[in-house]
Protein backbone atom coordinates (compact mmCIF):
# COMPACT_ATOMS: atom_id res chain seq x y z
CA MET A 1 -85.84 7.66 -85.31
CA PHE A 2 -86.75 6.44 -81.90
CA ILE A 3 -83.54 4.41 -81.72
CA LEU A 4 -81.40 7.46 -82.62
CA LYS A 5 -82.91 9.56 -79.80
CA TYR A 6 -82.31 6.76 -77.29
CA PHE A 7 -78.64 6.49 -78.30
CA ILE A 8 -78.06 10.29 -77.95
CA LYS A 9 -79.63 10.25 -74.47
CA LEU A 10 -77.41 7.33 -73.40
CA VAL A 11 -74.28 9.21 -74.53
CA GLN A 12 -75.30 12.32 -72.53
CA GLN A 13 -75.81 10.29 -69.36
CA THR A 14 -72.36 8.73 -69.74
CA GLU A 15 -70.71 12.18 -70.07
CA GLU A 16 -72.51 13.47 -66.93
CA LYS A 17 -71.16 10.54 -64.89
CA SER A 18 -67.63 11.21 -66.16
CA ASP A 19 -67.86 14.91 -65.19
CA SER A 20 -69.10 13.96 -61.71
CA THR A 21 -66.10 11.68 -61.13
CA VAL A 22 -63.64 14.43 -62.13
CA THR A 23 -65.31 16.91 -59.76
CA THR A 24 -65.03 14.49 -56.84
CA GLN A 25 -61.32 13.95 -57.42
CA ASP A 26 -60.67 17.69 -57.65
CA SER A 27 -62.36 18.29 -54.28
CA GLN A 28 -59.94 15.96 -52.39
CA PRO A 29 -56.79 17.60 -50.85
CA PRO A 30 -53.64 16.89 -52.84
CA ALA A 31 -50.96 14.55 -51.48
CA ASP A 32 -48.13 16.25 -49.62
CA PRO A 33 -44.95 14.30 -50.34
CA GLY A 34 -42.10 16.17 -48.69
CA GLY A 35 -44.51 18.97 -47.90
CA GLU A 36 -45.22 21.02 -44.82
CA ASN A 37 -46.86 18.18 -42.87
CA ASP A 38 -43.81 15.96 -43.29
CA LYS A 39 -41.58 18.84 -42.31
CA ASN A 40 -43.53 19.39 -39.10
CA SER A 41 -43.38 15.67 -38.31
CA ASN A 42 -39.65 15.49 -38.97
CA SER A 43 -39.09 18.58 -36.86
CA GLU A 44 -40.83 16.98 -33.88
CA GLU A 45 -38.82 13.77 -34.29
CA ASN A 46 -35.54 15.71 -34.50
CA HIS A 47 -36.52 17.71 -31.43
CA CYS A 48 -37.11 14.53 -29.42
CA HIS A 49 -33.83 13.07 -30.65
CA ILE A 50 -31.86 16.14 -29.63
CA ASN A 51 -33.42 16.19 -26.19
CA SER A 52 -32.57 12.53 -25.54
CA ASP A 53 -28.97 13.05 -26.65
CA SER A 54 -28.57 16.07 -24.44
CA ILE A 55 -29.40 14.02 -21.33
CA LYS A 56 -26.11 12.38 -20.31
CA PRO A 57 -25.18 10.83 -16.97
CA SER A 58 -22.93 13.03 -14.86
CA GLU A 59 -19.32 11.93 -14.88
CA GLU A 60 -17.66 10.93 -11.57
CA ASP A 61 -15.08 13.25 -10.10
CA PRO A 62 -11.57 12.24 -11.25
CA VAL A 63 -9.45 10.37 -8.69
CA GLU A 64 -6.39 12.33 -7.57
CA THR A 65 -3.21 10.32 -8.14
CA VAL A 66 0.50 10.79 -7.52
CA ASP A 67 3.49 9.49 -9.50
CA PHE A 68 6.41 8.07 -7.52
CA LYS A 69 9.01 5.30 -7.54
CA ILE A 70 9.02 2.05 -5.61
CA VAL A 71 12.57 0.91 -4.81
CA TYR A 72 13.08 -2.76 -3.94
CA ASN A 73 16.28 -4.78 -4.08
CA LYS A 74 18.02 -2.03 -6.11
CA GLN A 75 15.23 -2.10 -8.70
CA LYS A 76 12.96 0.87 -9.36
CA HIS A 77 9.30 0.67 -10.38
CA ASP A 78 7.32 3.66 -11.64
CA VAL A 79 3.96 3.76 -9.89
CA THR A 80 0.87 5.93 -10.25
CA PHE A 81 -1.45 5.48 -7.28
CA PRO A 82 -4.47 7.26 -5.74
CA ILE A 83 -3.18 9.67 -3.14
CA ASN A 84 -6.03 8.91 -0.73
CA GLU A 85 -5.39 5.15 -0.70
CA THR A 86 -3.77 3.53 2.34
CA VAL A 87 -0.35 1.96 2.72
CA ALA A 88 -2.11 -1.40 3.09
CA LYS A 89 -3.59 -0.99 -0.42
CA LEU A 90 -0.19 0.08 -1.74
CA LYS A 91 1.37 -3.09 -0.29
CA ALA A 92 -1.11 -5.19 -2.26
CA HIS A 93 0.00 -3.40 -5.44
CA VAL A 94 3.68 -3.73 -4.53
CA GLN A 95 3.17 -7.48 -4.18
CA THR A 96 2.26 -7.66 -7.87
CA LEU A 97 5.45 -5.76 -8.76
CA THR A 98 7.98 -7.48 -6.51
CA GLY A 99 6.50 -10.80 -5.44
CA VAL A 100 6.92 -9.85 -1.78
CA PRO A 101 3.71 -10.75 0.13
CA SER A 102 2.08 -7.66 1.62
CA ALA A 103 2.26 -9.16 5.13
CA MET A 104 6.05 -9.40 4.81
CA GLN A 105 6.62 -5.86 3.52
CA LYS A 106 7.97 -2.81 5.27
CA ILE A 107 7.14 0.44 3.48
CA MET A 108 9.78 3.05 4.27
CA PHE A 109 9.09 6.74 3.64
CA LYS A 110 10.53 9.13 6.22
CA GLY A 111 10.47 6.17 8.59
CA LEU A 112 8.28 3.07 8.80
CA ALA A 113 4.87 3.79 7.24
CA LYS A 114 1.80 2.48 9.05
CA ASP A 115 -0.76 0.41 7.14
CA GLU A 116 -3.65 2.73 7.98
CA SER A 117 -1.87 5.88 6.77
CA THR A 118 -2.73 7.27 3.34
CA LEU A 119 -0.20 8.54 0.83
CA LYS A 120 -1.61 11.99 1.49
CA ASP A 121 -0.97 11.56 5.22
CA LEU A 122 2.64 10.65 4.43
CA LYS A 123 2.95 13.71 2.15
CA VAL A 124 4.07 11.63 -0.84
CA THR A 125 4.72 13.99 -3.76
CA LYS A 126 5.50 13.54 -7.43
CA GLY A 127 8.88 11.88 -7.99
CA ALA A 128 9.22 10.63 -4.40
CA LYS A 129 11.06 7.37 -3.70
CA ILE A 130 9.46 4.79 -1.42
CA MET A 131 11.61 1.95 -0.11
CA VAL A 132 10.23 -1.57 0.21
CA VAL A 133 11.91 -4.07 2.52
CA GLY A 134 10.92 -7.72 2.70
CA SER A 135 11.52 -11.24 1.48
CA THR A 136 9.67 -13.21 -1.15
CA LEU A 137 8.11 -16.55 -0.28
CA ASN A 138 10.89 -18.29 -2.19
CA ASP A 139 13.46 -16.56 0.00
CA VAL A 140 11.65 -17.68 3.12
CA LEU A 141 11.24 -21.25 1.92
CA SER A 142 14.92 -21.43 1.00
CA VAL A 143 15.95 -20.83 4.61
CA SER A 144 17.59 -24.04 5.78
CA LYS A 145 16.06 -26.12 8.54
CA PRO A 146 17.69 -25.74 11.97
CA SER A 147 20.50 -28.16 12.72
CA PRO A 148 20.39 -30.49 15.75
CA GLN A 149 22.82 -28.14 17.49
CA GLU A 150 20.52 -25.17 16.92
CA LEU A 151 17.55 -27.15 18.24
CA GLN A 152 19.54 -28.09 21.32
CA GLU A 153 20.48 -24.46 21.96
CA ALA A 154 16.86 -23.42 21.52
CA THR A 155 15.82 -26.00 24.11
CA LYS A 156 18.39 -24.68 26.56
CA SER A 157 17.22 -21.15 25.93
CA THR A 158 13.61 -22.10 26.62
CA ALA A 159 14.59 -23.77 29.88
CA ALA A 160 16.59 -20.73 30.95
CA ALA A 161 13.82 -18.34 29.95
CA LYS A 162 12.11 -18.88 33.30
CA GLU A 163 14.76 -16.64 34.84
CA PRO A 164 14.98 -13.00 33.65
CA LEU A 165 17.73 -12.48 31.09
CA SER A 166 19.25 -9.68 33.11
CA GLN A 167 19.68 -12.10 36.02
CA LEU A 168 21.52 -14.74 34.02
CA LYS A 169 25.15 -14.91 35.04
CA GLU A 170 26.60 -13.71 31.72
CA HIS A 171 24.39 -10.60 31.64
CA LYS A 172 24.25 -9.84 35.37
CA ARG A 173 28.03 -9.66 35.46
CA VAL A 174 28.03 -7.03 32.69
CA LEU A 175 25.27 -4.96 34.28
CA ASP A 176 26.83 -5.07 37.75
CA LYS A 177 30.26 -4.12 36.42
CA HIS A 178 29.28 -1.16 34.25
CA GLY A 179 26.02 0.00 35.84
CA LYS A 180 23.66 2.50 34.27
CA PRO A 181 25.31 4.93 31.80
CA ASP A 182 25.15 8.61 32.69
CA ASP A 183 24.43 9.75 29.13
CA VAL A 184 21.73 7.22 28.20
CA PRO A 185 18.43 8.80 26.99
CA MET A 186 15.56 8.78 29.46
CA GLY A 187 13.57 5.54 29.32
CA ILE A 188 9.77 5.34 29.55
CA LYS A 189 8.06 2.04 30.28
CA ASN A 190 4.66 1.01 28.89
CA VAL A 191 4.99 3.57 26.09
CA LYS A 192 5.67 3.03 22.38
CA GLU A 193 7.33 5.77 20.37
CA PRO A 194 8.65 5.89 16.77
CA LEU A 195 12.38 5.95 16.17
CA PRO A 196 13.93 9.34 16.84
CA HIS A 197 15.40 11.28 13.93
CA THR A 198 18.82 11.15 15.59
CA PRO A 199 20.91 8.06 16.46
CA ILE A 200 20.14 6.26 19.73
CA SER A 201 23.29 6.49 21.85
CA GLY A 202 24.51 6.15 25.45
CA MET A 203 24.13 2.34 25.57
CA TYR A 204 26.92 -0.24 25.83
CA ASN A 205 27.70 -3.75 24.60
CA LYS A 206 28.83 -6.88 26.41
CA SER A 207 32.39 -5.62 26.75
CA GLY A 208 31.24 -2.29 28.17
CA GLY A 209 32.00 -0.33 24.98
CA LYS A 210 29.63 2.50 24.12
CA VAL A 211 27.16 1.71 21.30
CA ARG A 212 25.28 4.00 18.93
CA LEU A 213 22.39 2.77 16.71
CA THR A 214 21.73 4.61 13.44
CA PHE A 215 18.96 3.47 11.09
CA LYS A 216 19.80 4.19 7.43
CA LEU A 217 16.40 3.44 5.91
CA GLU A 218 17.34 4.71 2.46
CA VAL A 219 19.83 1.84 2.10
CA ASP A 220 18.05 -0.60 4.45
CA GLN A 221 20.98 -0.77 6.85
CA LEU A 222 21.54 -0.60 10.59
CA TRP A 223 24.77 1.16 11.49
CA LEU A 224 26.21 -0.22 14.72
CA GLY A 225 28.70 2.35 15.92
CA THR A 226 31.36 1.86 18.59
CA LYS A 227 34.45 3.84 19.50
CA GLU A 228 36.59 1.59 17.31
CA ARG A 229 34.43 1.29 14.16
CA THR A 230 30.99 1.40 12.59
CA GLU A 231 29.46 -1.85 11.34
CA LYS A 232 27.03 -1.35 8.45
CA ILE A 233 24.62 -4.28 8.77
CA PRO A 234 21.95 -5.01 6.10
CA MET A 235 18.66 -5.28 7.97
CA ASN A 236 17.61 -8.38 6.04
CA SER A 237 20.67 -10.20 7.41
CA ILE A 238 19.49 -9.81 11.01
CA LYS A 239 17.73 -13.08 11.81
CA ALA A 240 15.99 -12.08 15.05
CA VAL A 241 15.67 -9.28 17.59
CA VAL A 242 14.96 -10.20 21.22
CA SER A 243 14.59 -7.96 24.23
CA GLU A 244 13.62 -8.00 27.88
CA PRO A 245 13.31 -5.33 30.57
CA ILE A 246 16.25 -4.98 32.94
CA LYS A 247 15.23 -6.09 36.42
CA ASP A 248 14.41 -3.15 38.71
CA HIS A 249 14.87 -0.80 35.70
CA GLU A 250 11.90 -1.74 33.50
CA GLU A 251 12.11 1.57 31.63
CA TYR A 252 15.21 0.12 29.93
CA HIS A 253 15.73 -3.13 28.02
CA MET A 254 18.62 -5.36 27.09
CA LEU A 255 18.34 -6.10 23.37
CA GLY A 256 19.93 -8.86 21.29
CA LEU A 257 20.51 -8.68 17.53
CA GLN A 258 20.96 -12.16 16.06
CA LEU A 259 23.49 -11.68 13.26
CA GLY A 260 24.00 -15.38 12.45
CA PRO A 261 22.05 -18.64 12.34
CA THR A 262 22.31 -19.44 16.08
CA GLU A 263 21.69 -17.66 19.37
CA ALA A 264 25.41 -17.63 19.98
CA SER A 265 25.67 -14.91 17.31
CA ARG A 266 23.49 -12.45 19.23
CA TYR A 267 25.00 -9.02 19.74
CA TRP A 268 23.77 -7.71 23.10
CA ILE A 269 23.09 -4.05 23.82
CA TYR A 270 22.24 -2.87 27.32
CA TRP A 271 20.13 0.06 28.53
CA VAL A 272 17.98 0.55 25.42
CA PRO A 273 15.13 3.00 26.22
CA ALA A 274 11.96 0.90 26.48
CA GLN A 275 9.82 3.27 24.39
CA TYR A 276 11.93 2.57 21.27
CA VAL A 277 12.14 -1.24 21.50
CA ASP A 278 9.02 -2.02 19.44
CA ALA A 279 9.99 0.52 16.77
CA ILE A 280 13.46 -1.05 16.53
CA LYS A 281 11.96 -4.52 16.04
CA ASP A 282 9.40 -3.32 13.49
CA THR A 283 12.01 -1.42 11.51
CA ILE A 284 14.45 -4.33 11.34
CA LEU A 285 12.10 -7.28 10.95
CA GLY A 286 8.73 -5.80 10.09
CA LYS A 287 5.56 -6.61 12.00
CA TRP A 288 5.47 -10.06 10.41
CA GLN A 289 8.44 -11.96 11.85
CA TYR A 290 9.21 -15.42 10.52
CA PHE A 291 12.09 -16.31 12.84
């Protein structure tokens, strides 16, 4: 009897412990898979992600460009170039297109373009044509070496250079015979001006015939006009251009165009206004002269 009571009491104690465990589990908050807490957390993460995406670096202002054509040796190249870049920068690009070193290029657009000018300064517009004049390094290297006769003539010329050209017998005779032309443009010494838009006239050649110089930049030619005819001379065929002030008339020069390999081929023009001499040389030979 005693054993039966002890067993019943043991069973009751076991049931009480079981009920206590169930009560403890019920008092804990339930798990929240996919519930409101996760939603709040995800919302905060998404908010941070959106904010970081919305912060983007400001884009640089687009560079203004202009489309035009480069014409060299009868070949055309389509070019797109920043309008605020200089002619010097354009020459570097032209070198990659034509093989003509930038130092040997002449950029022609409404006259000879200066290196420091921008395309905007030159008023280059869409579809414009820009002429390039110059020789590749291969062209320069292919020029034959001077012959002994040419070297001898050069030596004589150097020796005679001590005396002003206008006082040499062959030139002094021409100047004394024909004098100063009445219709020659006014000369200005110690001044450099660009080529005028009209031909330079009023000068004369060695025989006293009137001479007119017209620069046809669009075809890279110098037109040498006389009363009898007009010679259309490719500028790249002119080997050298020399000049010197006329004694007692320094506002005018005598100018020689070397049309062949030797000095004997120089075509002399007298009474060229001094202010145009540098522009004539730059237009024909470029600022980089290799003869």
